[in-house]
């Protein structure tokens, strides 16, 4: 996905095999921008993604795919058991 296409509230899926360990998970974009890693050696340009209302992960834009599946009813969320 292109960085320019990211916006808050967009449902996305993280690409399988992503280095964060959350590949294949679905979430919602809650922030867009750039961030510097703690060791200050890398700048990540992408989105903050909320996964299941619990996890917050910063993911590079090229590793995000738009989720075009039907929305779940209010109060429901996708998760793995």
N, C-alpha and C. Protein backbone atom coordinates (compact mmCIF):
# COMPACT_ATOMS: atom_id res chain seq x y z
N UNK A 1 0.85 -1.17 0.00
CA UNK A 1 0.00 0.00 0.00
C UNK A 1 0.90 1.24 0.00
N UNK A 2 0.46 2.29 -0.65
CA UNK A 2 1.22 3.53 -0.69
C UNK A 2 0.97 4.34 0.58
N UNK A 3 2.01 5.02 1.04
CA UNK A 3 1.90 5.85 2.23
C UNK A 3 0.80 6.90 2.06
N UNK A 4 0.69 7.44 0.86
CA UNK A 4 -0.30 8.49 0.59
C UNK A 4 -1.74 8.00 0.75
N UNK A 5 -1.96 6.68 0.64
CA UNK A 5 -3.30 6.11 0.74
C UNK A 5 -3.71 5.79 2.18
N UNK A 6 -2.78 5.89 3.12
CA UNK A 6 -3.09 5.57 4.51
C UNK A 6 -3.83 6.73 5.17
N UNK A 7 -4.83 6.40 5.98
CA UNK A 7 -5.53 7.40 6.77
C UNK A 7 -6.14 6.74 8.00
N UNK A 8 -6.40 7.53 9.01
CA UNK A 8 -6.94 7.03 10.27
C UNK A 8 -8.29 6.37 10.03
N UNK A 9 -8.49 5.20 10.65
CA UNK A 9 -9.75 4.47 10.53
C UNK A 9 -9.75 3.43 9.43
N UNK A 10 -8.70 3.36 8.63
CA UNK A 10 -8.62 2.42 7.51
C UNK A 10 -8.36 1.00 8.02
N UNK A 11 -9.22 0.03 7.66
CA UNK A 11 -8.96 -1.36 8.07
C UNK A 11 -7.87 -1.96 7.18
N UNK A 12 -6.84 -2.54 7.81
CA UNK A 12 -5.70 -3.08 7.06
C UNK A 12 -5.32 -4.46 7.58
N UNK A 13 -4.57 -5.18 6.75
CA UNK A 13 -3.98 -6.46 7.16
C UNK A 13 -2.48 -6.34 6.95
N UNK A 14 -1.71 -6.80 7.93
CA UNK A 14 -0.25 -6.76 7.86
C UNK A 14 0.21 -7.95 7.01
N UNK A 15 1.13 -7.70 6.10
CA UNK A 15 1.63 -8.74 5.20
C UNK A 15 2.24 -9.90 5.98
N UNK A 16 1.96 -11.12 5.52
CA UNK A 16 2.53 -12.31 6.17
C UNK A 16 4.05 -12.24 6.09
N UNK A 17 4.69 -12.67 7.15
CA UNK A 17 6.15 -12.68 7.20
C UNK A 17 6.77 -11.36 7.65
N UNK A 18 5.96 -10.38 8.05
CA UNK A 18 6.51 -9.10 8.50
C UNK A 18 7.36 -9.32 9.75
N UNK A 19 8.44 -8.60 9.86
CA UNK A 19 9.40 -8.77 10.95
C UNK A 19 8.86 -8.50 12.34
N UNK A 20 7.70 -7.86 12.45
CA UNK A 20 7.12 -7.56 13.77
C UNK A 20 6.57 -8.81 14.44
N UNK A 21 6.33 -9.86 13.65
CA UNK A 21 5.70 -11.06 14.19
C UNK A 21 4.18 -11.02 14.12
N UNK A 22 3.62 -9.93 13.60
CA UNK A 22 2.17 -9.78 13.50
C UNK A 22 1.67 -9.96 12.07
N UNK A 23 2.47 -10.57 11.21
CA UNK A 23 2.08 -10.80 9.82
C UNK A 23 0.79 -11.58 9.73
N UNK A 24 -0.11 -11.15 8.86
CA UNK A 24 -1.40 -11.81 8.67
C UNK A 24 -2.49 -11.29 9.59
N UNK A 25 -2.13 -10.48 10.57
CA UNK A 25 -3.13 -9.93 11.50
C UNK A 25 -3.86 -8.75 10.86
N UNK A 26 -5.09 -8.57 11.27
CA UNK A 26 -5.92 -7.47 10.77
C UNK A 26 -6.04 -6.42 11.87
N UNK A 27 -6.07 -5.16 11.47
CA UNK A 27 -6.20 -4.09 12.44
C UNK A 27 -6.74 -2.83 11.81
N UNK A 28 -6.67 -1.74 12.56
CA UNK A 28 -7.18 -0.45 12.11
C UNK A 28 -6.08 0.58 12.29
N UNK A 29 -5.90 1.42 11.27
CA UNK A 29 -4.90 2.49 11.34
C UNK A 29 -5.39 3.55 12.33
N UNK A 30 -4.55 3.88 13.31
CA UNK A 30 -4.93 4.92 14.27
C UNK A 30 -3.99 6.12 14.21
N UNK A 31 -2.96 6.02 13.38
CA UNK A 31 -2.04 7.14 13.20
C UNK A 31 -1.18 6.91 11.98
N UNK A 32 -0.79 8.00 11.31
CA UNK A 32 0.03 7.91 10.10
C UNK A 32 1.17 8.91 10.23
N UNK A 33 2.37 8.49 9.86
CA UNK A 33 3.51 9.40 9.92
C UNK A 33 4.82 8.65 9.89
N UNK A 34 5.84 9.27 10.47
CA UNK A 34 7.14 8.61 10.53
C UNK A 34 7.63 8.59 11.97
N UNK A 35 8.44 7.59 12.26
CA UNK A 35 8.96 7.41 13.60
C UNK A 35 10.40 6.92 13.51
N UNK A 36 11.19 7.26 14.50
CA UNK A 36 12.58 6.82 14.57
C UNK A 36 12.66 5.68 15.58
N UNK A 37 13.39 4.62 15.23
CA UNK A 37 13.55 3.49 16.15
C UNK A 37 14.31 3.94 17.40
N UNK A 38 14.21 3.15 18.46
CA UNK A 38 14.85 3.52 19.72
C UNK A 38 16.35 3.70 19.60
N UNK A 39 16.99 2.92 18.72
CA UNK A 39 18.43 3.06 18.55
C UNK A 39 18.80 4.21 17.60
N UNK A 40 17.78 4.90 17.09
CA UNK A 40 17.93 6.07 16.21
C UNK A 40 18.67 5.76 14.91
N UNK A 41 18.63 4.50 14.47
CA UNK A 41 19.31 4.11 13.25
C UNK A 41 18.37 3.96 12.06
N UNK A 42 17.07 3.93 12.30
CA UNK A 42 16.12 3.69 11.21
C UNK A 42 14.89 4.56 11.38
N UNK A 43 14.41 5.11 10.27
CA UNK A 43 13.16 5.87 10.26
C UNK A 43 12.11 4.99 9.59
N UNK A 44 10.99 4.79 10.26
CA UNK A 44 9.90 3.99 9.72
C UNK A 44 8.80 4.94 9.27
N UNK A 45 8.45 4.87 7.99
CA UNK A 45 7.38 5.69 7.44
C UNK A 45 6.20 4.76 7.19
N UNK A 46 5.13 4.95 7.95
CA UNK A 46 3.99 4.05 7.83
C UNK A 46 2.87 4.44 8.75
N UNK A 47 2.27 3.43 9.38
CA UNK A 47 1.09 3.66 10.19
C UNK A 47 1.17 2.93 11.52
N UNK A 48 0.56 3.52 12.53
CA UNK A 48 0.35 2.83 13.80
C UNK A 48 -0.94 2.04 13.64
N UNK A 49 -0.86 0.73 13.88
CA UNK A 49 -2.00 -0.15 13.66
C UNK A 49 -2.43 -0.76 14.99
N UNK A 50 -3.70 -0.62 15.31
CA UNK A 50 -4.27 -1.23 16.50
C UNK A 50 -4.81 -2.60 16.09
N UNK A 51 -4.37 -3.63 16.81
CA UNK A 51 -4.78 -5.00 16.50
C UNK A 51 -5.66 -5.50 17.63
N UNK A 52 -6.92 -5.71 17.35
CA UNK A 52 -7.83 -6.26 18.35
C UNK A 52 -8.03 -5.39 19.57
N UNK A 53 -7.79 -4.10 19.45
CA UNK A 53 -8.00 -3.20 20.57
C UNK A 53 -6.94 -3.30 21.65
N UNK A 54 -5.91 -4.13 21.43
CA UNK A 54 -4.91 -4.34 22.46
C UNK A 54 -3.52 -3.93 22.01
N UNK A 55 -3.08 -4.42 20.87
CA UNK A 55 -1.72 -4.19 20.41
C UNK A 55 -1.64 -2.94 19.55
N UNK A 56 -0.53 -2.23 19.68
CA UNK A 56 -0.25 -1.08 18.83
C UNK A 56 1.10 -1.33 18.18
N UNK A 57 1.12 -1.42 16.86
CA UNK A 57 2.32 -1.76 16.12
C UNK A 57 2.56 -0.72 15.05
N UNK A 58 3.82 -0.28 14.88
CA UNK A 58 4.18 0.63 13.80
C UNK A 58 4.64 -0.21 12.62
N UNK A 59 3.93 -0.10 11.49
CA UNK A 59 4.19 -0.93 10.32
C UNK A 59 4.47 -0.05 9.11
N UNK A 60 5.48 -0.43 8.33
CA UNK A 60 5.81 0.28 7.11
C UNK A 60 4.65 0.17 6.12
N UNK A 61 4.40 1.24 5.38
CA UNK A 61 3.26 1.30 4.46
C UNK A 61 3.26 0.16 3.45
N UNK A 62 4.43 -0.23 2.95
CA UNK A 62 4.48 -1.27 1.91
C UNK A 62 4.09 -2.65 2.43
N UNK A 63 4.00 -2.82 3.75
CA UNK A 63 3.61 -4.10 4.32
C UNK A 63 2.14 -4.13 4.75
N UNK A 64 1.36 -3.13 4.35
CA UNK A 64 -0.06 -3.08 4.70
C UNK A 64 -0.92 -3.27 3.46
N UNK A 65 -1.99 -4.03 3.62
CA UNK A 65 -2.95 -4.26 2.55
C UNK A 65 -4.33 -3.84 3.05
N UNK A 66 -5.10 -3.23 2.17
CA UNK A 66 -6.46 -2.82 2.50
C UNK A 66 -7.32 -4.05 2.72
N UNK A 67 -8.13 -4.04 3.77
CA UNK A 67 -9.07 -5.12 4.03
C UNK A 67 -10.40 -4.72 3.44
N UNK A 68 -10.84 -5.45 2.44
CA UNK A 68 -12.09 -5.10 1.77
C UNK A 68 -13.24 -6.02 2.16
N UNK A 69 -12.99 -6.88 3.15
CA UNK A 69 -14.04 -7.79 3.62
C UNK A 69 -15.12 -6.99 4.32
N UNK A 70 -16.28 -7.59 4.47
CA UNK A 70 -17.38 -6.93 5.16
C UNK A 70 -17.01 -6.61 6.60
N UNK A 71 -17.55 -5.51 7.10
CA UNK A 71 -17.27 -5.11 8.47
C UNK A 71 -18.02 -5.99 9.45
N UNK A 72 -17.43 -6.18 10.61
CA UNK A 72 -18.10 -6.91 11.68
C UNK A 72 -19.07 -5.97 12.37
N UNK A 73 -20.09 -6.52 13.02
CA UNK A 73 -21.03 -5.67 13.76
C UNK A 73 -20.31 -4.90 14.87
N UNK A 74 -20.85 -3.76 15.30
CA UNK A 74 -20.22 -2.99 16.37
C UNK A 74 -20.00 -3.86 17.61
N UNK A 75 -18.83 -3.72 18.21
CA UNK A 75 -18.51 -4.48 19.41
C UNK A 75 -17.81 -5.80 19.13
N UNK A 76 -17.69 -6.19 17.87
CA UNK A 76 -17.04 -7.45 17.50
C UNK A 76 -15.66 -7.16 16.94
N UNK A 77 -14.74 -8.12 17.12
CA UNK A 77 -13.38 -7.97 16.62
C UNK A 77 -12.84 -9.32 16.20
N UNK A 78 -11.95 -9.33 15.21
CA UNK A 78 -11.31 -10.57 14.77
C UNK A 78 -10.13 -10.87 15.68
N UNK A 79 -10.00 -12.12 16.12
CA UNK A 79 -8.85 -12.52 16.92
C UNK A 79 -8.62 -14.01 16.74
N UNK A 80 -7.40 -14.45 17.09
CA UNK A 80 -7.06 -15.86 16.98
C UNK A 80 -7.08 -16.49 18.36
N UNK A 81 -7.52 -17.73 18.42
CA UNK A 81 -7.59 -18.45 19.69
C UNK A 81 -6.45 -19.44 19.75
